[in-house]
Amino acid sequence: MKNLLFAILAISACIAAKSQDIYTAGYFTVDDGPQVAAVFRNGVAFYSQKQLGKDFYSSAIAIDTLSGDVYWSANAFPQNSISEGCGYVMKNDEILLDNVIGTCINDISFDGDDIYSAGYMNDIYESVAAVWKNGETTPLYTYCADKHSSEVLGIDVVDGVVYACGYYEEGLTYGCVWVNGDLYAMYPNSKVSGITYHDGDIYYLLDECTTSVYKSGEELYELQNYGGSCSDVDAIIVADNDVYTAGFLGFINCLVWRNADCIYLHPFGGDAAFTACQYFEQSLYYVGWDHLGRGIIFKDGVQLYSLDDCAFYDVWVRPSPLAVEEIKADDGSVVYIYNFFGELVKTACIDDNNLNINDLPSGFYIAKRGKEVTKVFSTKME
């Protein structure tokens, strides 16, 4: 086993199997005041960001499995001027990136020690698609010019490769997919609203009159929509060889799909939406807001709770640090292998410090032997 020891307390939380915390990103209001951007843990505001006279909201959240640090967006908009908004990247309760006026952060990802944020920045005329790496703009993503607009709506960074999606406007609106800043695919009269990388393939959502799921440039299927149009589908994840997506239909019916079929349909009495989903320990969590202005959280079709005067835009589920005391892996010859989400994927006995995990899908894992926690890699060849 590689001798790369991560001496951090939070790692134990990533290998607890029974208890979990649900983190959501969004906003809340108090007494009809401005919106307050916040990260909630199990329905309670955990971190927040606000300024007098500005509406704030958080569009994205990502938690470092190794350190337990919470990275999240905080977008500020003066109540009378969207163009003077400002996007922030927060690390726990501190400002990590304070962008210039006219920026907005739509999504966050991290890769090793690098923090990526994506959205747009305003030039003299229009918005320009942008990705920031550790606070610095990636020039390849300043895609538009000549008074045209572009925007990055989603991002996923894996092993130093940046996968991004969004749109570009030049008379028509073109849905775009970028890989390391180079244009990978473009589709007229559409937007690419969500993206994820999984096991060697790029999965993304193409929104036209209906929404279709694409895999590495090829259409897999069109989402079942009951004769209507999928008004907005932004969330896409891949788990256990299934593709899960979430969104809303006509602003009233909120849906979750597994592959091409709807598995959960929640009708509301007015404007409502599902905005994000995550698969954790064989369960699907998804969030959004309902027609009564409440942030809502569901697990496998059942509502867990709601929060008044609130909306959720992203979700991240992870083992609870309270479960640390339950971990009793003191046998020095037994190694427990966990994936990125803290799920136990393999148990092995080792001799002479040799560990082979190349039977697992390629990527990095966490190995725990006794009190030693190590980052290990599988280089499985497909």
Protein backbone atom coordinates (compact mmCIF):
# COMPACT_ATOMS: atom_id res chain seq x y z
CA MET A 1 0.00 0.00 0.00
CA LYS A 2 1.31 3.43 -0.92
CA ASN A 3 2.86 5.31 1.96
CA LEU A 4 0.84 8.50 1.44
CA LEU A 5 -0.75 9.27 4.80
CA PHE A 6 -3.46 11.91 5.10
CA ALA A 7 -3.35 12.93 8.76
CA ILE A 8 -6.74 14.61 8.94
CA LEU A 9 -9.56 14.08 11.37
CA ALA A 10 -12.37 14.44 8.83
CA ILE A 11 -11.30 11.39 6.82
CA SER A 12 -12.93 9.11 9.35
CA ALA A 13 -16.28 10.64 8.47
CA CYS A 14 -15.81 9.49 4.88
CA ILE A 15 -15.75 5.84 5.89
CA ALA A 16 -18.74 5.70 8.16
CA ALA A 17 -21.42 3.56 6.58
CA LYS A 18 -24.56 4.07 8.64
CA SER A 19 -24.95 7.75 9.45
CA GLN A 20 -25.01 10.62 6.97
CA ASP A 21 -25.43 14.36 6.80
CA ILE A 22 -27.35 16.09 4.00
CA TYR A 23 -25.78 19.36 2.86
CA THR A 24 -27.73 21.69 0.61
CA ALA A 25 -26.87 25.02 -1.02
CA GLY A 26 -29.36 27.80 -1.71
CA TYR A 27 -30.78 30.75 0.16
CA PHE A 28 -33.20 31.77 2.90
CA THR A 29 -34.98 35.00 3.80
CA VAL A 30 -35.97 36.50 7.14
CA ASP A 31 -38.84 38.99 7.58
CA ASP A 32 -39.02 39.77 3.85
CA GLY A 33 -35.42 40.94 3.89
CA PRO A 34 -32.79 40.27 1.19
CA GLN A 35 -31.91 36.69 0.35
CA VAL A 36 -29.09 35.14 2.36
CA ALA A 37 -26.83 32.64 0.57
CA ALA A 38 -26.34 29.59 2.74
CA VAL A 39 -25.17 26.03 3.13
CA PHE A 40 -27.58 23.96 5.20
CA ARG A 41 -26.76 20.78 7.06
CA ASN A 42 -29.79 18.60 7.71
CA GLY A 43 -32.10 21.57 7.22
CA VAL A 44 -30.23 24.03 9.46
CA ALA A 45 -28.19 26.94 8.06
CA PHE A 46 -24.54 26.02 8.60
CA TYR A 47 -22.66 28.71 6.67
CA SER A 48 -24.09 31.93 5.24
CA GLN A 49 -23.11 35.05 3.35
CA LYS A 50 -25.04 38.33 3.10
CA GLN A 51 -24.66 42.04 2.48
CA LEU A 52 -27.02 44.92 3.09
CA GLY A 53 -29.14 45.76 0.04
CA LYS A 54 -28.13 42.68 -1.99
CA ASP A 55 -29.83 39.39 -2.71
CA PHE A 56 -27.51 36.41 -2.28
CA TYR A 57 -27.92 32.78 -3.25
CA SER A 58 -25.69 29.73 -3.47
CA SER A 59 -25.91 27.70 -6.68
CA ALA A 60 -23.37 24.96 -5.97
CA ILE A 61 -21.64 22.97 -3.26
CA ALA A 62 -18.80 20.44 -3.19
CA ILE A 63 -17.27 18.75 -0.15
CA ASP A 64 -13.69 17.53 -0.12
CA THR A 65 -13.97 13.90 0.94
CA LEU A 66 -10.44 13.89 2.32
CA SER A 67 -10.46 17.08 4.38
CA GLY A 68 -14.16 17.63 4.98
CA ASP A 69 -13.91 21.23 3.76
CA VAL A 70 -17.07 22.67 2.21
CA TYR A 71 -16.70 24.70 -1.00
CA TRP A 72 -19.72 26.66 -2.16
CA SER A 73 -20.80 29.60 -4.27
CA ALA A 74 -22.27 32.86 -3.03
CA ASN A 75 -23.69 35.02 -5.80
CA ALA A 76 -24.64 38.59 -4.91
CA PHE A 77 -27.00 40.75 -6.93
CA PRO A 78 -27.98 44.31 -6.01
CA GLN A 79 -31.76 44.37 -5.92
CA ASN A 80 -31.85 46.91 -8.78
CA SER A 81 -28.95 45.79 -11.01
CA ILE A 82 -28.17 42.25 -12.15
CA SER A 83 -25.17 43.43 -14.21
CA GLU A 84 -23.43 44.60 -11.04
CA GLY A 85 -23.59 41.19 -9.40
CA CYS A 86 -20.55 39.43 -8.01
CA GLY A 87 -19.73 35.75 -7.61
CA TYR A 88 -17.84 34.40 -4.61
CA VAL A 89 -16.30 31.02 -3.87
CA MET A 90 -16.46 30.15 -0.20
CA LYS A 91 -14.43 27.62 1.76
CA ASN A 92 -16.39 26.84 4.89
CA ASP A 93 -17.12 30.31 6.32
CA GLU A 94 -14.28 32.16 4.58
CA ILE A 95 -14.15 33.87 1.18
CA LEU A 96 -11.74 31.95 -1.04
CA LEU A 97 -12.41 33.86 -4.25
CA ASP A 98 -13.92 37.35 -4.49
CA ASN A 99 -14.57 37.97 -8.17
CA VAL A 100 -14.85 41.30 -9.90
CA ILE A 101 -18.17 43.02 -10.52
CA GLY A 102 -20.31 41.32 -13.17
CA THR A 103 -19.49 37.67 -12.49
CA CYS A 104 -21.69 34.74 -11.52
CA ILE A 105 -20.73 31.24 -10.31
CA ASN A 106 -23.00 28.44 -11.54
CA ASP A 107 -21.02 25.37 -10.53
CA ILE A 108 -18.01 24.22 -8.50
CA SER A 109 -15.67 21.24 -8.76
CA PHE A 110 -12.34 20.33 -7.25
CA ASP A 111 -9.53 18.06 -8.34
CA GLY A 112 -6.74 17.29 -5.91
CA ASP A 113 -5.64 20.63 -4.48
CA ASP A 114 -7.22 22.69 -7.27
CA ILE A 115 -10.57 24.44 -6.91
CA TYR A 116 -12.55 25.18 -10.07
CA SER A 117 -15.56 27.46 -10.41
CA ALA A 118 -17.56 28.16 -13.54
CA GLY A 119 -20.13 30.63 -14.81
CA TYR A 120 -19.73 33.91 -16.63
CA MET A 121 -18.15 37.33 -16.42
CA ASN A 122 -19.44 40.50 -18.06
CA ASP A 123 -17.36 42.41 -20.56
CA ILE A 124 -18.41 45.75 -22.04
CA TYR A 125 -21.31 44.23 -23.97
CA GLU A 126 -22.32 40.72 -22.95
CA SER A 127 -21.58 37.81 -20.62
CA VAL A 128 -18.53 35.66 -21.37
CA ALA A 129 -18.29 31.98 -20.40
CA ALA A 130 -15.53 31.52 -17.84
CA VAL A 131 -13.83 28.95 -15.64
CA TRP A 132 -11.65 29.96 -12.71
CA LYS A 133 -8.90 27.69 -11.42
CA ASN A 134 -7.79 28.65 -7.92
CA GLY A 135 -9.16 32.12 -8.55
CA GLU A 136 -7.52 32.72 -11.91
CA THR A 137 -9.58 32.90 -15.12
CA THR A 138 -8.85 30.14 -17.61
CA PRO A 139 -8.41 32.05 -20.91
CA LEU A 140 -9.62 29.18 -23.12
CA TYR A 141 -13.08 29.61 -21.69
CA THR A 142 -13.50 33.23 -22.76
CA TYR A 143 -15.27 31.80 -25.77
CA CYS A 144 -17.40 34.59 -27.18
CA ALA A 145 -16.60 37.94 -28.72
CA ASP A 146 -18.13 40.59 -30.95
CA LYS A 147 -21.10 41.35 -28.69
CA HIS A 148 -22.25 37.73 -28.33
CA SER A 149 -23.01 35.97 -25.04
CA SER A 150 -21.86 32.67 -23.59
CA GLU A 151 -22.09 30.98 -20.21
CA VAL A 152 -20.83 27.86 -18.45
CA LEU A 153 -23.74 26.12 -16.71
CA GLY A 154 -22.01 22.99 -15.42
CA ILE A 155 -18.51 21.68 -14.75
CA ASP A 156 -16.84 18.42 -13.71
CA VAL A 157 -13.07 18.12 -13.25
CA VAL A 158 -11.45 14.68 -13.18
CA ASP A 159 -7.70 13.99 -13.13
CA GLY A 160 -6.88 17.50 -14.35
CA VAL A 161 -9.33 17.40 -17.27
CA VAL A 162 -12.05 20.06 -17.23
CA TYR A 163 -15.43 19.06 -18.67
CA ALA A 164 -17.83 21.98 -19.02
CA CYS A 165 -21.18 22.70 -20.62
CA GLY A 166 -23.33 25.72 -21.39
CA TYR A 167 -24.27 27.79 -24.40
CA TYR A 168 -23.13 30.37 -26.92
CA GLU A 169 -25.35 32.93 -28.64
CA GLU A 170 -24.76 34.15 -32.17
CA GLY A 171 -28.21 34.87 -33.57
CA LEU A 172 -29.16 31.32 -32.55
CA THR A 173 -28.41 29.79 -29.18
CA TYR A 174 -25.94 26.90 -29.43
CA GLY A 175 -25.57 24.31 -26.69
CA CYS A 176 -21.87 23.70 -26.04
CA VAL A 177 -19.64 21.09 -24.43
CA TRP A 178 -16.00 22.00 -23.76
CA VAL A 179 -13.08 19.74 -22.77
CA ASN A 180 -10.10 21.66 -21.39
CA GLY A 181 -11.44 24.76 -23.10
CA ASP A 182 -11.67 23.23 -26.57
CA LEU A 183 -15.11 22.90 -28.15
CA TYR A 184 -16.13 19.24 -27.98
CA ALA A 185 -19.68 19.53 -29.33
CA MET A 186 -22.15 22.24 -30.39
CA TYR A 187 -25.90 21.96 -30.97
CA PRO A 188 -28.12 24.68 -32.53
CA ASN A 189 -31.30 25.92 -30.85
CA SER A 190 -30.44 24.38 -27.52
CA LYS A 191 -28.48 24.58 -24.28
CA VAL A 192 -26.37 21.94 -22.57
CA SER A 193 -27.50 22.28 -18.98
CA GLY A 194 -25.72 19.56 -16.99
CA ILE A 195 -22.58 17.44 -17.32
CA THR A 196 -20.76 14.65 -15.52
CA TYR A 197 -17.79 12.41 -16.30
CA HIS A 198 -18.03 8.73 -15.40
CA ASP A 199 -15.78 5.78 -16.18
CA GLY A 200 -14.31 7.18 -19.40
CA ASP A 201 -17.44 8.81 -20.81
CA ILE A 202 -18.96 12.31 -20.79
CA TYR A 203 -22.67 12.42 -19.97
CA TYR A 204 -24.64 15.61 -20.54
CA LEU A 205 -28.14 17.02 -20.94
CA LEU A 206 -29.23 18.68 -24.16
CA ASP A 207 -32.27 20.93 -23.67
CA GLU A 208 -34.29 21.70 -26.77
CA CYS A 209 -38.10 21.42 -26.88
CA THR A 210 -37.50 18.23 -24.93
CA THR A 211 -34.45 17.04 -23.02
CA SER A 212 -32.12 14.27 -24.20
CA VAL A 213 -29.25 12.48 -22.47
CA TYR A 214 -26.01 12.22 -24.44
CA LYS A 215 -23.02 9.99 -23.81
CA SER A 216 -19.71 11.04 -25.37
CA GLY A 217 -21.39 12.79 -28.28
CA GLU A 218 -24.08 10.18 -29.01
CA GLU A 219 -27.72 10.54 -27.99
CA LEU A 220 -28.76 7.81 -25.56
CA TYR A 221 -32.46 8.65 -25.25
CA GLU A 222 -35.02 11.37 -24.83
CA LEU A 223 -36.50 11.79 -21.37
CA GLN A 224 -40.08 10.59 -21.00
CA ASN A 225 -42.21 13.73 -20.68
CA TYR A 226 -45.89 12.71 -20.84
CA GLY A 227 -46.64 14.68 -23.99
CA GLY A 228 -45.36 17.98 -22.62
CA SER A 229 -41.97 19.62 -22.75
CA CYS A 230 -39.25 19.30 -20.15
CA SER A 231 -39.02 22.91 -19.10
CA ASP A 232 -35.74 22.61 -17.24
CA VAL A 233 -33.54 19.59 -16.49
CA ASP A 234 -30.15 20.48 -15.00
CA ALA A 235 -29.19 17.60 -12.72
CA ILE A 236 -27.41 14.50 -14.05
CA ILE A 237 -25.42 11.83 -12.22
CA VAL A 238 -24.33 8.27 -13.04
CA ALA A 239 -24.46 5.55 -10.39
CA ASP A 240 -24.55 1.74 -10.56
CA ASN A 241 -24.63 1.90 -14.37
CA ASP A 242 -27.81 4.00 -14.33
CA VAL A 243 -28.20 7.65 -15.31
CA TYR A 244 -30.31 9.75 -12.93
CA THR A 245 -31.68 13.15 -13.94
CA ALA A 246 -33.97 15.65 -12.19
CA GLY A 247 -35.92 18.72 -13.26
CA PHE A 248 -39.41 20.11 -13.75
CA LEU A 249 -42.13 19.96 -16.37
CA GLY A 250 -44.18 23.07 -17.02
CA PHE A 251 -43.18 24.62 -13.66
CA ILE A 252 -45.74 22.45 -11.86
CA ASN A 253 -44.71 18.79 -12.06
CA CYS A 254 -41.26 17.93 -10.69
CA LEU A 255 -39.73 14.69 -11.93
CA VAL A 256 -36.81 12.33 -11.44
CA TRP A 257 -35.77 9.95 -14.22
CA ARG A 258 -33.70 6.78 -14.13
CA ASN A 259 -32.38 6.36 -17.63
CA ALA A 260 -35.28 7.18 -19.99
CA ASP A 261 -38.13 6.55 -17.56
CA CYS A 262 -39.67 8.74 -14.88
CA ILE A 263 -39.41 7.04 -11.47
CA TYR A 264 -40.71 9.86 -9.26
CA LEU A 265 -43.30 12.48 -10.20
CA HIS A 266 -44.31 15.10 -7.64
CA PRO A 267 -47.14 17.46 -8.69
CA PHE A 268 -47.28 20.87 -7.03
CA GLY A 269 -49.89 23.60 -7.14
CA GLY A 270 -47.65 26.14 -8.81
CA ASP A 271 -44.06 27.13 -9.57
CA ALA A 272 -41.71 24.42 -8.26
CA ALA A 273 -38.50 22.70 -9.35
CA PHE A 274 -36.02 19.94 -8.67
CA THR A 275 -32.51 21.28 -9.15
CA ALA A 276 -29.96 18.66 -8.05
CA CYS A 277 -29.58 15.02 -7.05
CA GLN A 278 -27.00 12.71 -5.50
CA TYR A 279 -26.77 8.94 -5.13
CA PHE A 280 -25.48 7.78 -1.76
CA GLU A 281 -25.49 4.32 -0.15
CA GLN A 282 -28.03 2.88 -2.63
CA SER A 283 -30.43 5.80 -2.19
CA LEU A 284 -31.21 8.81 -4.36
CA TYR A 285 -31.46 12.24 -2.75
CA TYR A 286 -32.87 15.22 -4.63
CA VAL A 287 -33.68 18.82 -3.75
CA GLY A 288 -35.36 21.99 -4.99
CA TRP A 289 -38.26 24.18 -3.92
CA ASP A 290 -42.06 23.94 -3.94
CA HIS A 291 -44.91 26.29 -4.83
CA LEU A 292 -45.14 27.57 -1.24
CA GLY A 293 -41.60 28.92 -1.32
CA ARG A 294 -40.07 26.13 0.73
CA GLY A 295 -36.78 24.35 0.22
CA ILE A 296 -37.52 20.62 -0.13
CA ILE A 297 -35.45 17.45 0.22
CA PHE A 298 -36.49 13.97 -0.93
CA LYS A 299 -34.98 10.52 -0.54
CA ASP A 300 -36.18 7.73 -2.84
CA GLY A 301 -39.50 9.43 -3.51
CA VAL A 302 -40.25 10.36 0.12
CA GLN A 303 -39.95 13.94 1.38
CA LEU A 304 -37.56 14.14 4.32
CA TYR A 305 -38.26 17.73 5.29
CA SER A 306 -38.90 21.25 4.03
CA LEU A 307 -37.73 24.70 5.11
CA ASP A 308 -39.89 27.83 4.86
CA ASP A 309 -38.78 30.92 2.89
CA CYS A 310 -35.98 29.00 1.28
CA ALA A 311 -34.80 27.30 -1.92
CA PHE A 312 -32.19 24.60 -2.54
CA TYR A 313 -30.05 24.49 -5.70
CA ASP A 314 -27.55 21.74 -4.91
CA VAL A 315 -27.11 18.75 -2.60
CA TRP A 316 -24.19 16.74 -1.23
CA VAL A 317 -24.64 13.74 1.07
CA ARG A 318 -21.76 12.36 3.09
CA PRO A 319 -21.17 10.20 6.17
CA SER A 320 -21.71 12.02 9.43
CA PRO A 321 -18.67 12.81 11.61
CA LEU A 322 -20.78 11.55 14.50
CA ALA A 323 -20.22 8.05 13.16
CA VAL A 324 -16.46 8.22 13.72
CA GLU A 325 -16.70 6.45 17.05
CA GLU A 326 -18.43 3.54 15.34
CA ILE A 327 -15.36 2.79 13.22
CA LYS A 328 -13.43 -0.06 14.84
CA ALA A 329 -11.02 -1.14 12.12
CA ASP A 330 -8.01 -1.93 14.30
CA ASP A 331 -6.95 -5.18 12.62
CA GLY A 332 -3.66 -4.24 10.99
CA SER A 333 -3.90 -6.95 8.33
CA VAL A 334 -7.33 -5.92 7.02
CA VAL A 335 -7.69 -3.03 4.56
CA TYR A 336 -11.01 -1.32 3.89
CA ILE A 337 -11.36 0.39 0.49
CA TYR A 338 -13.85 3.26 0.11
CA ASN A 339 -14.90 5.20 -2.97
CA PHE A 340 -15.17 9.00 -3.36
CA PHE A 341 -18.57 9.04 -1.63
CA GLY A 342 -17.36 7.12 1.42
CA GLU A 343 -18.99 3.82 0.40
CA LEU A 344 -17.18 0.57 1.27
CA VAL A 345 -16.34 -1.13 -2.04
CA LYS A 346 -13.79 -3.77 -1.04
CA THR A 347 -12.26 -5.49 1.98
CA ALA A 348 -8.89 -7.16 1.59
CA CYS A 349 -6.13 -8.81 3.59
CA ILE A 350 -2.60 -7.79 2.64
CA ASP A 351 0.85 -9.20 3.10
CA ASP A 352 4.15 -7.29 3.00
CA ASN A 353 2.31 -3.99 2.48
CA ASN A 354 1.17 -5.01 -1.03
CA LEU A 355 -2.36 -4.03 -2.09
CA ASN A 356 -3.87 -4.53 -5.54
CA ILE A 357 -7.18 -2.77 -6.31
CA ASN A 358 -6.98 -2.94 -10.09
CA ASP A 359 -10.16 -5.00 -10.13
CA LEU A 360 -12.02 -1.77 -9.25
CA PRO A 361 -12.96 0.89 -11.85
CA SER A 362 -10.08 3.26 -12.59
CA GLY A 363 -9.75 6.23 -10.24
CA PHE A 364 -8.67 7.05 -6.70
CA TYR A 365 -9.93 5.42 -3.51
CA ILE A 366 -9.35 5.69 0.22
CA ALA A 367 -7.72 2.75 1.99
CA LYS A 368 -7.93 2.38 5.79
CA ARG A 369 -5.83 -0.09 7.75
CA GLY A 370 -6.03 0.31 11.48
CA LYS A 371 -5.42 4.01 12.10
CA GLU A 372 -3.64 4.55 8.80
CA VAL A 373 -5.56 6.30 6.02
CA THR A 374 -4.09 6.32 2.52
CA LYS A 375 -5.04 7.50 -0.96
CA VAL A 376 -4.65 4.68 -3.50
CA PHE A 377 -5.29 4.35 -7.22
CA SER A 378 -6.78 1.76 -9.53
CA THR A 379 -5.40 1.65 -13.05
CA LYS A 380 -7.84 -0.93 -14.38
CA MET A 381 -7.66 -1.22 -18.15
CA GLU A 382 -11.06 -1.45 -19.87
